[in-house]
């Protein structure tokens, strides 16, 4: 089982912890990671392109002029696609881009993402990350002590002081363990796990 050092927010090593092999020591396949990241980004697409078809255009349903005797082509109501302001025949209908690979693949990809951070030595474990007040300056000071720049911090539960202190800091995101996902793990250069959150993650992915 991989063993990593546990630090405090002063950057001092205080203990060590073991990580589960089946979660943090999995062979990494970039094709699987690519598939899940593509899925997440596709799900975020707004898909708001939408036209109005003939039945959706606001207007009278009265026939514009009689069928015969005018010398012109027969015409229906003003909502016809052939007229300016009428409906559109083959325009987009608000396509939904979201799709979901199998659950086993999604779970495997998250294991691979965590394993890749451990292999790259970009995984940091802290015993806790408690702030006495909501203050970005204090939060940034802790990051400087730990020599962290682009970082994803994973907590085991709601930590209001930490979440609010970090929200205006660029290249930083605080996430609870139940929201952990492949895209965020790979997006940030360093992954910081609070020690209590590790058990939550292992319990979720080992099941």
N, C-alpha and C. Protein backbone atom coordinates (compact mmCIF):
# COMPACT_ATOMS: atom_id res chain seq x y z
N UNK A 1 0.85 -1.20 0.00
CA UNK A 1 0.00 0.00 0.00
C UNK A 1 0.88 1.25 0.00
N UNK A 2 0.56 2.25 -0.84
CA UNK A 2 1.35 3.49 -0.84
C UNK A 2 1.26 4.19 0.51
N UNK A 3 2.36 4.74 0.93
CA UNK A 3 2.42 5.48 2.18
C UNK A 3 2.82 6.92 1.86
N UNK A 4 2.06 7.88 2.36
CA UNK A 4 2.35 9.30 2.12
C UNK A 4 2.47 10.03 3.45
N UNK A 5 3.22 11.11 3.42
CA UNK A 5 3.39 11.94 4.62
C UNK A 5 2.15 12.79 4.85
N UNK A 6 1.83 13.00 6.12
CA UNK A 6 0.73 13.88 6.51
C UNK A 6 1.34 15.15 7.11
N UNK A 7 0.97 16.29 6.56
CA UNK A 7 1.51 17.57 7.03
C UNK A 7 0.42 18.37 7.73
N UNK A 8 0.86 19.38 8.49
CA UNK A 8 -0.08 20.37 9.00
C UNK A 8 0.01 21.61 8.13
N UNK A 9 -0.78 22.64 8.43
CA UNK A 9 -0.80 23.82 7.57
C UNK A 9 0.45 24.68 7.72
N UNK A 10 1.34 24.31 8.64
CA UNK A 10 2.64 24.99 8.74
C UNK A 10 3.69 24.29 7.88
N UNK A 11 3.30 23.21 7.20
CA UNK A 11 4.22 22.50 6.33
C UNK A 11 5.09 21.49 7.06
N UNK A 12 4.76 21.16 8.30
CA UNK A 12 5.56 20.20 9.08
C UNK A 12 4.96 18.81 8.97
N UNK A 13 5.82 17.80 8.78
CA UNK A 13 5.35 16.43 8.74
C UNK A 13 5.03 15.97 10.16
N UNK A 14 3.81 15.47 10.35
CA UNK A 14 3.40 15.06 11.69
C UNK A 14 3.13 13.55 11.78
N UNK A 15 2.87 12.91 10.63
CA UNK A 15 2.63 11.47 10.64
C UNK A 15 2.65 10.95 9.21
N UNK A 16 2.26 9.70 9.05
CA UNK A 16 2.12 9.09 7.74
C UNK A 16 0.80 8.34 7.66
N UNK A 17 0.30 8.16 6.45
CA UNK A 17 -0.95 7.43 6.28
C UNK A 17 -0.84 6.51 5.07
N UNK A 18 -1.56 5.40 5.12
CA UNK A 18 -1.56 4.44 4.02
C UNK A 18 -2.76 4.71 3.11
N UNK A 19 -2.53 4.54 1.82
CA UNK A 19 -3.58 4.72 0.82
C UNK A 19 -3.93 3.37 0.22
N UNK A 20 -5.20 3.18 -0.10
CA UNK A 20 -5.66 1.90 -0.64
C UNK A 20 -5.10 1.66 -2.04
N UNK A 21 -4.61 0.43 -2.27
CA UNK A 21 -4.04 0.08 -3.57
C UNK A 21 -5.06 0.18 -4.69
N UNK A 22 -6.30 -0.25 -4.41
CA UNK A 22 -7.30 -0.30 -5.47
C UNK A 22 -7.88 1.06 -5.82
N UNK A 23 -7.44 2.11 -5.13
CA UNK A 23 -7.91 3.46 -5.42
C UNK A 23 -6.77 4.37 -5.88
N UNK A 24 -5.63 4.27 -5.21
CA UNK A 24 -4.52 5.19 -5.48
C UNK A 24 -3.34 4.53 -6.20
N UNK A 25 -3.46 3.26 -6.55
CA UNK A 25 -2.36 2.59 -7.25
C UNK A 25 -2.92 1.77 -8.40
N UNK A 26 -3.61 2.47 -9.30
CA UNK A 26 -4.27 1.83 -10.44
C UNK A 26 -3.53 2.22 -11.72
N UNK A 27 -3.29 1.28 -12.65
CA UNK A 27 -2.66 1.65 -13.92
C UNK A 27 -3.48 2.70 -14.66
N UNK A 28 -2.80 3.72 -15.16
CA UNK A 28 -3.49 4.86 -15.77
C UNK A 28 -3.59 4.67 -17.28
N UNK A 29 -4.81 4.79 -17.81
CA UNK A 29 -5.04 4.74 -19.25
C UNK A 29 -5.63 6.08 -19.69
N UNK A 30 -4.91 6.79 -20.54
CA UNK A 30 -5.35 8.13 -20.94
C UNK A 30 -6.65 8.09 -21.73
N UNK A 31 -6.91 7.00 -22.43
CA UNK A 31 -8.15 6.90 -23.22
C UNK A 31 -9.38 6.93 -22.32
N UNK A 32 -9.30 6.27 -21.17
CA UNK A 32 -10.43 6.26 -20.22
C UNK A 32 -10.61 7.64 -19.62
N UNK A 33 -9.51 8.29 -19.23
CA UNK A 33 -9.59 9.65 -18.67
C UNK A 33 -10.17 10.61 -19.70
N UNK A 34 -9.74 10.48 -20.95
CA UNK A 34 -10.24 11.36 -22.01
C UNK A 34 -11.75 11.19 -22.20
N UNK A 35 -12.21 9.96 -22.15
CA UNK A 35 -13.65 9.71 -22.34
C UNK A 35 -14.48 10.38 -21.25
N UNK A 36 -14.03 10.30 -20.00
CA UNK A 36 -14.81 10.85 -18.90
C UNK A 36 -14.73 12.38 -18.88
N UNK A 37 -13.56 12.94 -19.18
CA UNK A 37 -13.45 14.40 -19.25
C UNK A 37 -14.33 14.94 -20.37
N UNK A 38 -14.34 14.26 -21.51
CA UNK A 38 -15.21 14.67 -22.62
C UNK A 38 -16.67 14.62 -22.20
N UNK A 39 -17.04 13.57 -21.45
CA UNK A 39 -18.42 13.46 -20.96
C UNK A 39 -18.78 14.64 -20.07
N UNK A 40 -17.88 15.01 -19.14
CA UNK A 40 -18.17 16.10 -18.22
C UNK A 40 -18.31 17.43 -18.96
N UNK A 41 -17.42 17.67 -19.91
CA UNK A 41 -17.49 18.93 -20.66
C UNK A 41 -18.72 18.98 -21.56
N UNK A 42 -19.11 17.83 -22.13
CA UNK A 42 -20.30 17.79 -22.96
C UNK A 42 -21.55 18.09 -22.13
N UNK A 43 -21.56 17.60 -20.90
CA UNK A 43 -22.71 17.85 -20.03
C UNK A 43 -22.85 19.31 -19.63
N UNK A 44 -21.76 20.07 -19.73
CA UNK A 44 -21.81 21.49 -19.37
C UNK A 44 -22.25 22.38 -20.53
N UNK A 45 -22.34 21.83 -21.74
CA UNK A 45 -22.74 22.64 -22.88
C UNK A 45 -24.17 23.12 -22.72
N UNK A 46 -24.39 24.38 -23.02
CA UNK A 46 -25.70 24.98 -22.79
C UNK A 46 -26.76 24.43 -23.74
N UNK A 47 -26.39 24.17 -25.00
CA UNK A 47 -27.32 23.64 -26.00
C UNK A 47 -28.56 24.51 -26.11
N UNK A 48 -28.35 25.83 -26.20
CA UNK A 48 -29.47 26.77 -26.24
C UNK A 48 -29.88 27.17 -27.66
N UNK A 49 -29.18 26.69 -28.69
CA UNK A 49 -29.54 27.03 -30.07
C UNK A 49 -30.90 26.40 -30.40
N UNK A 50 -31.88 27.25 -30.69
CA UNK A 50 -33.25 26.75 -30.90
C UNK A 50 -33.99 27.72 -31.81
N UNK A 51 -34.64 27.19 -32.81
CA UNK A 51 -35.45 28.01 -33.71
C UNK A 51 -36.93 27.76 -33.42
N UNK A 52 -37.77 28.64 -33.97
CA UNK A 52 -39.22 28.45 -33.88
C UNK A 52 -39.72 27.82 -35.17
N UNK A 53 -40.42 26.71 -35.03
CA UNK A 53 -41.02 26.08 -36.18
C UNK A 53 -42.40 26.70 -36.45
N UNK A 54 -43.01 26.26 -37.50
CA UNK A 54 -44.25 26.88 -37.95
C UNK A 54 -45.32 26.93 -36.84
N UNK A 55 -45.41 25.86 -36.08
CA UNK A 55 -46.45 25.81 -35.04
C UNK A 55 -46.13 26.70 -33.85
N UNK A 56 -44.87 27.16 -33.72
CA UNK A 56 -44.46 27.95 -32.57
C UNK A 56 -44.44 29.45 -32.85
N UNK A 57 -44.55 29.85 -34.11
CA UNK A 57 -44.52 31.27 -34.46
C UNK A 57 -45.85 31.92 -34.08
N UNK A 58 -45.76 33.12 -33.49
CA UNK A 58 -46.96 33.85 -33.10
C UNK A 58 -47.54 34.56 -34.33
N UNK A 59 -48.79 34.35 -34.61
CA UNK A 59 -49.41 34.99 -35.77
C UNK A 59 -50.77 34.40 -36.06
N UNK A 60 -51.49 35.01 -37.00
CA UNK A 60 -52.83 34.56 -37.36
C UNK A 60 -52.78 33.28 -38.18
N UNK A 61 -53.78 32.48 -38.04
CA UNK A 61 -53.88 31.26 -38.82
C UNK A 61 -54.76 31.44 -40.05
N UNK A 62 -55.13 32.69 -40.35
CA UNK A 62 -56.02 32.95 -41.49
C UNK A 62 -55.26 32.78 -42.80
N UNK A 63 -55.93 32.21 -43.79
CA UNK A 63 -55.35 32.09 -45.12
C UNK A 63 -55.20 33.49 -45.71
N UNK A 64 -54.03 33.80 -46.27
CA UNK A 64 -53.73 35.16 -46.70
C UNK A 64 -54.62 35.64 -47.84
N UNK A 65 -54.88 34.78 -48.82
CA UNK A 65 -55.81 35.14 -49.90
C UNK A 65 -56.39 33.84 -50.44
N UNK A 66 -57.43 34.00 -51.27
CA UNK A 66 -58.15 32.81 -51.70
C UNK A 66 -57.28 31.90 -52.55
N UNK A 67 -57.72 30.65 -52.63
CA UNK A 67 -56.90 29.62 -53.27
C UNK A 67 -56.74 29.87 -54.77
N UNK A 68 -57.83 30.25 -55.44
CA UNK A 68 -57.80 30.35 -56.91
C UNK A 68 -58.21 31.75 -57.37
N UNK A 69 -57.85 32.03 -58.57
CA UNK A 69 -58.33 33.25 -59.20
C UNK A 69 -57.43 34.47 -59.08
N UNK A 70 -56.36 34.41 -58.31
CA UNK A 70 -55.51 35.60 -58.14
C UNK A 70 -54.31 35.58 -59.09
N UNK A 71 -54.02 34.44 -59.71
CA UNK A 71 -52.87 34.33 -60.59
C UNK A 71 -51.57 34.07 -59.84
N UNK A 72 -51.64 34.02 -58.53
CA UNK A 72 -50.43 33.77 -57.73
C UNK A 72 -50.44 32.34 -57.19
N UNK A 73 -49.28 31.95 -56.69
CA UNK A 73 -49.20 30.61 -56.11
C UNK A 73 -50.08 30.55 -54.87
N UNK A 74 -50.63 29.38 -54.61
CA UNK A 74 -51.49 29.22 -53.44
C UNK A 74 -50.67 29.47 -52.16
N UNK A 75 -51.31 30.03 -51.20
CA UNK A 75 -50.61 30.45 -49.97
C UNK A 75 -51.45 30.11 -48.75
N UNK A 76 -50.79 29.67 -47.70
CA UNK A 76 -51.49 29.39 -46.45
C UNK A 76 -51.48 30.61 -45.54
N UNK A 77 -51.14 30.40 -44.26
CA UNK A 77 -51.13 31.54 -43.33
C UNK A 77 -49.76 32.20 -43.29
N UNK A 78 -49.65 33.26 -42.50
CA UNK A 78 -48.45 34.09 -42.46
C UNK A 78 -47.27 33.39 -41.77
N UNK A 79 -47.53 32.26 -41.13
CA UNK A 79 -46.48 31.54 -40.42
C UNK A 79 -45.72 30.56 -41.32
N UNK A 80 -46.02 30.57 -42.60
CA UNK A 80 -45.37 29.66 -43.53
C UNK A 80 -43.86 29.86 -43.57
N UNK A 81 -43.07 28.79 -43.63
CA UNK A 81 -41.61 28.92 -43.72
C UNK A 81 -41.14 29.66 -44.97
N UNK A 82 -42.01 29.78 -45.98
CA UNK A 82 -41.64 30.47 -47.21
C UNK A 82 -41.68 31.98 -47.08
N UNK A 83 -42.27 32.48 -46.02
CA UNK A 83 -42.43 33.92 -45.83
C UNK A 83 -41.47 34.45 -44.77
N UNK A 84 -41.10 35.73 -44.93
CA UNK A 84 -40.26 36.37 -43.94
C UNK A 84 -41.00 36.43 -42.60
N UNK A 85 -40.30 36.05 -41.53
CA UNK A 85 -40.93 36.03 -40.21
C UNK A 85 -41.67 34.75 -39.92
N UNK A 86 -41.70 33.83 -40.88
CA UNK A 86 -42.38 32.57 -40.66
C UNK A 86 -41.50 31.58 -39.91
N UNK A 87 -41.99 30.36 -39.78
CA UNK A 87 -41.24 29.34 -39.06
C UNK A 87 -40.03 28.86 -39.85
N UNK A 88 -39.14 28.15 -39.15
CA UNK A 88 -37.95 27.57 -39.78
C UNK A 88 -38.16 26.06 -39.90
N UNK A 89 -37.77 25.51 -41.04
CA UNK A 89 -38.05 24.10 -41.30
C UNK A 89 -37.05 23.17 -40.61
N UNK A 90 -35.75 23.35 -40.89
CA UNK A 90 -34.75 22.38 -40.44
C UNK A 90 -33.74 22.99 -39.47
N UNK A 91 -34.15 23.95 -38.67
CA UNK A 91 -33.23 24.57 -37.72
C UNK A 91 -32.99 23.70 -36.49
N UNK A 92 -32.03 24.10 -35.63
CA UNK A 92 -31.73 23.32 -34.42
C UNK A 92 -32.87 23.36 -33.41
N UNK A 93 -32.99 22.31 -32.62
CA UNK A 93 -34.10 22.18 -31.67
C UNK A 93 -33.64 22.12 -30.22
N UNK A 94 -32.47 22.66 -29.89
CA UNK A 94 -32.01 22.60 -28.50
C UNK A 94 -31.47 21.23 -28.16
N UNK A 95 -30.50 20.77 -28.93
CA UNK A 95 -29.95 19.43 -28.75
C UNK A 95 -29.31 19.28 -27.37
N UNK A 96 -29.51 18.14 -26.75
CA UNK A 96 -28.89 17.83 -25.47
C UNK A 96 -27.61 17.03 -25.73
N UNK A 97 -26.45 17.58 -25.33
CA UNK A 97 -25.17 16.94 -25.62
C UNK A 97 -24.74 15.94 -24.54
N UNK A 98 -25.46 15.87 -23.44
CA UNK A 98 -25.03 15.03 -22.31
C UNK A 98 -25.16 13.54 -22.64
N UNK A 99 -24.23 12.77 -22.13
CA UNK A 99 -24.29 11.32 -22.23
C UNK A 99 -23.54 10.75 -21.03
N UNK A 100 -23.76 9.50 -20.71
CA UNK A 100 -23.15 8.91 -19.52
C UNK A 100 -22.57 7.53 -19.85
N UNK A 101 -21.24 7.39 -19.75
CA UNK A 101 -20.63 6.06 -19.88
C UNK A 101 -21.05 5.18 -18.71
N UNK A 102 -20.75 3.90 -18.75
CA UNK A 102 -21.12 3.01 -17.64
C UNK A 102 -20.52 3.46 -16.31
N UNK A 103 -21.22 3.13 -15.23
CA UNK A 103 -20.78 3.53 -13.89
C UNK A 103 -19.38 2.99 -13.57
N UNK A 104 -19.10 1.76 -13.99
CA UNK A 104 -17.80 1.16 -13.71
C UNK A 104 -16.68 1.96 -14.38
N UNK A 105 -16.94 2.47 -15.57
CA UNK A 105 -15.93 3.25 -16.28
C UNK A 105 -15.71 4.58 -15.58
N UNK A 106 -16.78 5.22 -15.13
CA UNK A 106 -16.66 6.50 -14.43
C UNK A 106 -15.87 6.34 -13.13
N UNK A 107 -16.16 5.27 -12.41
CA UNK A 107 -15.45 5.01 -11.15
C UNK A 107 -13.98 4.70 -11.41
N UNK A 108 -13.71 3.90 -12.44
CA UNK A 108 -12.33 3.55 -12.78
C UNK A 108 -11.54 4.80 -13.18
N UNK A 109 -12.16 5.70 -13.92
CA UNK A 109 -11.48 6.91 -14.35
C UNK A 109 -11.08 7.78 -13.17
N UNK A 110 -11.94 7.86 -12.16
CA UNK A 110 -11.61 8.65 -10.97
C UNK A 110 -10.44 8.02 -10.21
N UNK A 111 -10.42 6.70 -10.14
CA UNK A 111 -9.28 6.01 -9.52
C UNK A 111 -7.99 6.32 -10.28
N UNK A 112 -8.07 6.30 -11.60
CA UNK A 112 -6.89 6.58 -12.42
C UNK A 112 -6.41 8.02 -12.22
N UNK A 113 -7.35 8.95 -12.13
CA UNK A 113 -6.97 10.35 -11.93
C UNK A 113 -6.25 10.52 -10.60
N UNK A 114 -6.76 9.89 -9.54
CA UNK A 114 -6.10 9.97 -8.23
C UNK A 114 -4.73 9.29 -8.27
N UNK A 115 -4.66 8.15 -8.95
CA UNK A 115 -3.39 7.43 -9.05
C UNK A 115 -2.35 8.25 -9.81
N UNK A 116 -2.80 8.98 -10.84
CA UNK A 116 -1.86 9.78 -11.62
C UNK A 116 -1.25 10.89 -10.78
N UNK A 117 -2.05 11.47 -9.88
CA UNK A 117 -1.51 12.53 -9.00
C UNK A 117 -0.47 11.95 -8.04
N UNK A 118 -0.72 10.75 -7.54
CA UNK A 118 0.25 10.13 -6.65
C UNK A 118 1.54 9.79 -7.40
N UNK A 119 1.40 9.27 -8.62
CA UNK A 119 2.57 8.93 -9.42
C UNK A 119 3.40 10.16 -9.78
N UNK A 120 2.72 11.30 -9.99
CA UNK A 120 3.42 12.54 -10.36
C UNK A 120 3.93 13.30 -9.13
N UNK A 121 3.72 12.72 -7.95
CA UNK A 121 4.09 13.36 -6.69
C UNK A 121 3.43 14.74 -6.55
N UNK A 122 2.18 14.78 -7.00
CA UNK A 122 1.40 16.02 -6.92
C UNK A 122 0.23 15.85 -5.95
N UNK A 123 0.38 14.89 -5.01
CA UNK A 123 -0.65 14.63 -4.00
C UNK A 123 -0.11 15.01 -2.63
N UNK A 124 -0.84 15.91 -1.95
CA UNK A 124 -0.45 16.38 -0.62
C UNK A 124 -1.58 16.03 0.35
N UNK A 125 -1.22 15.50 1.51
CA UNK A 125 -2.20 15.15 2.54
C UNK A 125 -1.99 16.05 3.75
N UNK A 126 -3.07 16.73 4.18
CA UNK A 126 -3.03 17.57 5.38
C UNK A 126 -3.89 16.96 6.46
N UNK A 127 -3.48 17.13 7.70
CA UNK A 127 -4.30 16.60 8.80
C UNK A 127 -5.61 17.36 8.93
N UNK A 128 -5.56 18.67 8.72
CA UNK A 128 -6.77 19.51 8.75
C UNK A 128 -6.43 20.85 8.13
N UNK A 129 -7.47 21.63 7.83
CA UNK A 129 -7.26 22.96 7.25
C UNK A 129 -8.33 23.88 7.85
N UNK A 130 -8.08 24.30 9.06
CA UNK A 130 -9.04 25.13 9.78
C UNK A 130 -8.56 26.58 9.81
N UNK A 131 -9.45 27.51 9.48
CA UNK A 131 -9.17 28.94 9.55
C UNK A 131 -10.07 29.56 10.61
N UNK A 132 -9.52 30.47 11.39
CA UNK A 132 -10.28 31.09 12.49
C UNK A 132 -11.33 32.06 11.96
N UNK A 133 -11.09 32.63 10.78
CA UNK A 133 -12.03 33.59 10.21
C UNK A 133 -12.01 33.49 8.70
N UNK A 134 -12.99 34.13 8.08
CA UNK A 134 -13.06 34.17 6.62
C UNK A 134 -12.15 35.29 6.14
N UNK A 135 -10.98 34.91 5.66
CA UNK A 135 -10.00 35.92 5.23
C UNK A 135 -9.10 35.32 4.15
N UNK A 136 -9.19 35.88 2.95
CA UNK A 136 -8.41 35.36 1.82
C UNK A 136 -6.92 35.52 2.06
N UNK A 137 -6.52 36.59 2.73
CA UNK A 137 -5.10 36.84 2.97
C UNK A 137 -4.49 35.70 3.81
N UNK A 138 -5.22 35.25 4.81
CA UNK A 138 -4.74 34.15 5.65
C UNK A 138 -4.63 32.87 4.83
N UNK A 139 -5.63 32.62 3.99
CA UNK A 139 -5.64 31.43 3.15
C UNK A 139 -4.45 31.43 2.19
N UNK A 140 -4.22 32.56 1.53
CA UNK A 140 -3.09 32.66 0.59
C UNK A 140 -1.77 32.47 1.33
N UNK A 141 -1.69 32.95 2.57
CA UNK A 141 -0.48 32.77 3.36
C UNK A 141 -0.18 31.30 3.61
N UNK A 142 -1.22 30.51 3.86
CA UNK A 142 -1.03 29.06 4.07
C UNK A 142 -0.54 28.40 2.78
N UNK A 143 -1.09 28.81 1.64
CA UNK A 143 -0.65 28.25 0.37
C UNK A 143 0.83 28.54 0.11
N UNK A 144 1.26 29.74 0.47
CA UNK A 144 2.68 30.10 0.28
C UNK A 144 3.58 29.24 1.17
N UNK A 145 3.14 28.99 2.40
CA UNK A 145 3.93 28.16 3.31
C UNK A 145 4.06 26.74 2.75
N UNK A 146 2.99 26.24 2.15
CA UNK A 146 2.99 24.88 1.60
C UNK A 146 3.52 24.83 0.18
N UNK A 147 3.89 25.99 -0.40
CA UNK A 147 4.41 26.08 -1.78
C UNK A 147 3.42 25.52 -2.79
N UNK A 148 2.17 25.95 -2.66
CA UNK A 148 1.11 25.49 -3.55
C UNK A 148 0.64 26.63 -4.45
N UNK A 149 0.39 26.31 -5.72
CA UNK A 149 -0.10 27.31 -6.66
C UNK A 149 -1.48 26.92 -7.16
N UNK A 150 -1.51 26.16 -8.26
CA UNK A 150 -2.76 25.65 -8.80
C UNK A 150 -3.14 24.40 -7.99
N UNK A 151 -4.23 24.49 -7.22
CA UNK A 151 -4.50 23.43 -6.26
C UNK A 151 -6.00 23.16 -6.11
N UNK A 152 -6.32 21.87 -5.99
CA UNK A 152 -7.67 21.42 -5.65
C UNK A 152 -7.62 20.86 -4.23
N UNK A 153 -8.43 21.43 -3.35
CA UNK A 153 -8.46 21.01 -1.94
C UNK A 153 -9.75 20.23 -1.70
N UNK A 154 -9.63 19.01 -1.22
CA UNK A 154 -10.79 18.14 -0.99
C UNK A 154 -11.00 17.98 0.51
N UNK A 155 -12.19 18.36 0.98
CA UNK A 155 -12.53 18.26 2.40
C UNK A 155 -13.55 17.14 2.60
N UNK A 156 -13.68 16.69 3.85
CA UNK A 156 -14.63 15.61 4.14
C UNK A 156 -16.04 16.13 4.42
N UNK A 157 -16.17 17.41 4.75
CA UNK A 157 -17.47 17.99 5.07
C UNK A 157 -17.43 19.49 4.78
N UNK A 158 -18.54 20.16 4.99
CA UNK A 158 -18.60 21.60 4.74
C UNK A 158 -17.64 22.34 5.67
N UNK A 159 -16.82 23.20 5.08
CA UNK A 159 -15.88 24.02 5.84
C UNK A 159 -16.07 25.45 5.34
N UNK A 160 -17.00 26.16 5.97
CA UNK A 160 -17.42 27.46 5.45
C UNK A 160 -16.28 28.47 5.40
N UNK A 161 -15.47 28.54 6.44
CA UNK A 161 -14.37 29.50 6.46
C UNK A 161 -13.39 29.24 5.32
N UNK A 162 -13.09 27.98 5.09
CA UNK A 162 -12.15 27.62 4.03
C UNK A 162 -12.76 27.89 2.66
N UNK A 163 -14.01 27.50 2.47
CA UNK A 163 -14.65 27.66 1.17
C UNK A 163 -14.81 29.14 0.79
N UNK A 164 -15.20 29.96 1.75
CA UNK A 164 -15.40 31.38 1.46
C UNK A 164 -14.08 32.13 1.34
N UNK A 165 -13.07 31.72 2.08
CA UNK A 165 -11.77 32.39 2.01
C UNK A 165 -11.07 32.12 0.69
N UNK A 166 -11.41 31.00 0.04
CA UNK A 166 -10.69 30.60 -1.18
C UNK A 166 -11.42 30.97 -2.47
N UNK A 167 -12.66 31.43 -2.39
CA UNK A 167 -13.46 31.55 -3.60
C UNK A 167 -12.97 32.64 -4.55
N UNK A 168 -12.24 33.65 -4.04
CA UNK A 168 -11.73 34.71 -4.91
C UNK A 168 -10.27 34.50 -5.29
N UNK A 169 -9.68 33.41 -4.87
CA UNK A 169 -8.27 33.15 -5.15
C UNK A 169 -8.17 32.39 -6.48
N UNK A 170 -7.44 32.92 -7.47
CA UNK A 170 -7.35 32.24 -8.77
C UNK A 170 -6.60 30.91 -8.68
N UNK A 171 -6.97 29.98 -9.56
CA UNK A 171 -6.33 28.66 -9.68
C UNK A 171 -6.46 27.84 -8.40
N UNK A 172 -7.53 28.09 -7.64
CA UNK A 172 -7.76 27.33 -6.40
C UNK A 172 -9.23 26.93 -6.36
N UNK A 173 -9.49 25.70 -5.95
CA UNK A 173 -10.88 25.25 -5.77
C UNK A 173 -10.96 24.35 -4.55
N UNK A 174 -11.99 24.57 -3.74
CA UNK A 174 -12.25 23.72 -2.57
C UNK A 174 -13.49 22.89 -2.88
N UNK A 175 -13.36 21.59 -2.71
CA UNK A 175 -14.41 20.66 -3.09
C UNK A 175 -14.63 19.66 -1.97
N UNK A 176 -15.88 19.31 -1.71
CA UNK A 176 -16.15 18.25 -0.73
C UNK A 176 -15.99 16.89 -1.39
N UNK A 177 -15.71 15.88 -0.59
CA UNK A 177 -15.34 14.57 -1.14
C UNK A 177 -16.44 13.96 -2.00
N UNK A 178 -17.71 14.26 -1.69
CA UNK A 178 -18.78 13.67 -2.49
C UNK A 178 -18.86 14.29 -3.89
N UNK A 179 -18.23 15.45 -4.09
CA UNK A 179 -18.24 16.09 -5.40
C UNK A 179 -16.97 15.87 -6.20
N UNK A 180 -16.10 15.00 -5.72
CA UNK A 180 -14.82 14.76 -6.40
C UNK A 180 -15.07 14.19 -7.80
N UNK A 181 -14.38 14.73 -8.80
CA UNK A 181 -14.58 14.31 -10.17
C UNK A 181 -13.27 14.34 -10.95
N UNK A 182 -13.25 13.65 -12.07
CA UNK A 182 -12.03 13.48 -12.87
C UNK A 182 -11.54 14.81 -13.42
N UNK A 183 -12.44 15.61 -13.95
CA UNK A 183 -12.03 16.86 -14.61
C UNK A 183 -11.30 17.79 -13.64
N UNK A 184 -11.83 17.98 -12.45
CA UNK A 184 -11.20 18.89 -11.49
C UNK A 184 -9.87 18.33 -10.99
N UNK A 185 -9.79 17.01 -10.79
CA UNK A 185 -8.54 16.41 -10.33
C UNK A 185 -7.43 16.66 -11.35
N UNK A 186 -7.73 16.51 -12.64
CA UNK A 186 -6.72 16.69 -13.68
C UNK A 186 -6.46 18.15 -14.00
N UNK A 187 -7.45 19.01 -13.78
CA UNK A 187 -7.32 20.42 -14.14
C UNK A 187 -6.27 21.13 -13.29
N UNK A 188 -6.24 20.83 -12.01
CA UNK A 188 -5.35 21.55 -11.10
C UNK A 188 -4.03 20.78 -10.94
N UNK A 189 -2.97 21.53 -10.78
CA UNK A 189 -1.63 20.94 -10.75
C UNK A 189 -1.42 20.05 -9.53
N UNK A 190 -1.92 20.47 -8.37
CA UNK A 190 -1.72 19.73 -7.12
C UNK A 190 -3.07 19.35 -6.51
N UNK A 191 -3.14 18.15 -5.99
CA UNK A 191 -4.33 17.68 -5.28
C UNK A 191 -4.02 17.62 -3.80
N UNK A 192 -4.79 18.34 -2.99
CA UNK A 192 -4.62 18.35 -1.53
C UNK A 192 -5.81 17.63 -0.91
N UNK A 193 -5.54 16.56 -0.18
CA UNK A 193 -6.59 15.80 0.50
C UNK A 193 -6.46 16.01 2.00
N UNK A 194 -7.56 16.35 2.65
CA UNK A 194 -7.56 16.33 4.11
C UNK A 194 -7.67 14.88 4.56
N UNK A 195 -6.93 14.53 5.58
CA UNK A 195 -6.83 13.12 5.99
C UNK A 195 -8.19 12.46 6.21
N UNK A 196 -9.16 13.12 6.88
CA UNK A 196 -10.47 12.47 7.05
C UNK A 196 -11.19 12.21 5.73
N UNK A 197 -10.89 13.01 4.69
CA UNK A 197 -11.57 12.85 3.40
C UNK A 197 -11.10 11.60 2.68
N UNK A 198 -9.89 11.12 3.00
CA UNK A 198 -9.36 9.93 2.30
C UNK A 198 -10.24 8.72 2.54
N UNK A 199 -10.70 8.54 3.78
CA UNK A 199 -11.56 7.39 4.10
C UNK A 199 -12.88 7.48 3.34
N UNK A 200 -13.42 8.70 3.19
CA UNK A 200 -14.66 8.86 2.43
C UNK A 200 -14.45 8.47 0.98
N UNK A 201 -13.34 8.91 0.40
CA UNK A 201 -13.05 8.63 -1.00
C UNK A 201 -12.85 7.13 -1.23
N UNK A 202 -12.05 6.51 -0.34
CA UNK A 202 -11.79 5.07 -0.47
C UNK A 202 -13.08 4.26 -0.28
N UNK A 203 -13.92 4.67 0.66
CA UNK A 203 -15.17 3.96 0.87
C UNK A 203 -16.09 4.07 -0.32
N UNK A 204 -16.09 5.21 -0.98
CA UNK A 204 -16.94 5.43 -2.15
C UNK A 204 -16.46 4.65 -3.36
N UNK A 205 -15.15 4.59 -3.57
CA UNK A 205 -14.59 3.98 -4.78
C UNK A 205 -14.29 2.49 -4.61
N UNK A 206 -14.16 2.02 -3.39
CA UNK A 206 -13.86 0.61 -3.17
C UNK A 206 -15.13 -0.23 -3.14
N UNK A 207 -16.25 0.43 -2.95
CA UNK A 207 -17.53 -0.32 -2.84
C UNK A 207 -17.90 -0.96 -4.18
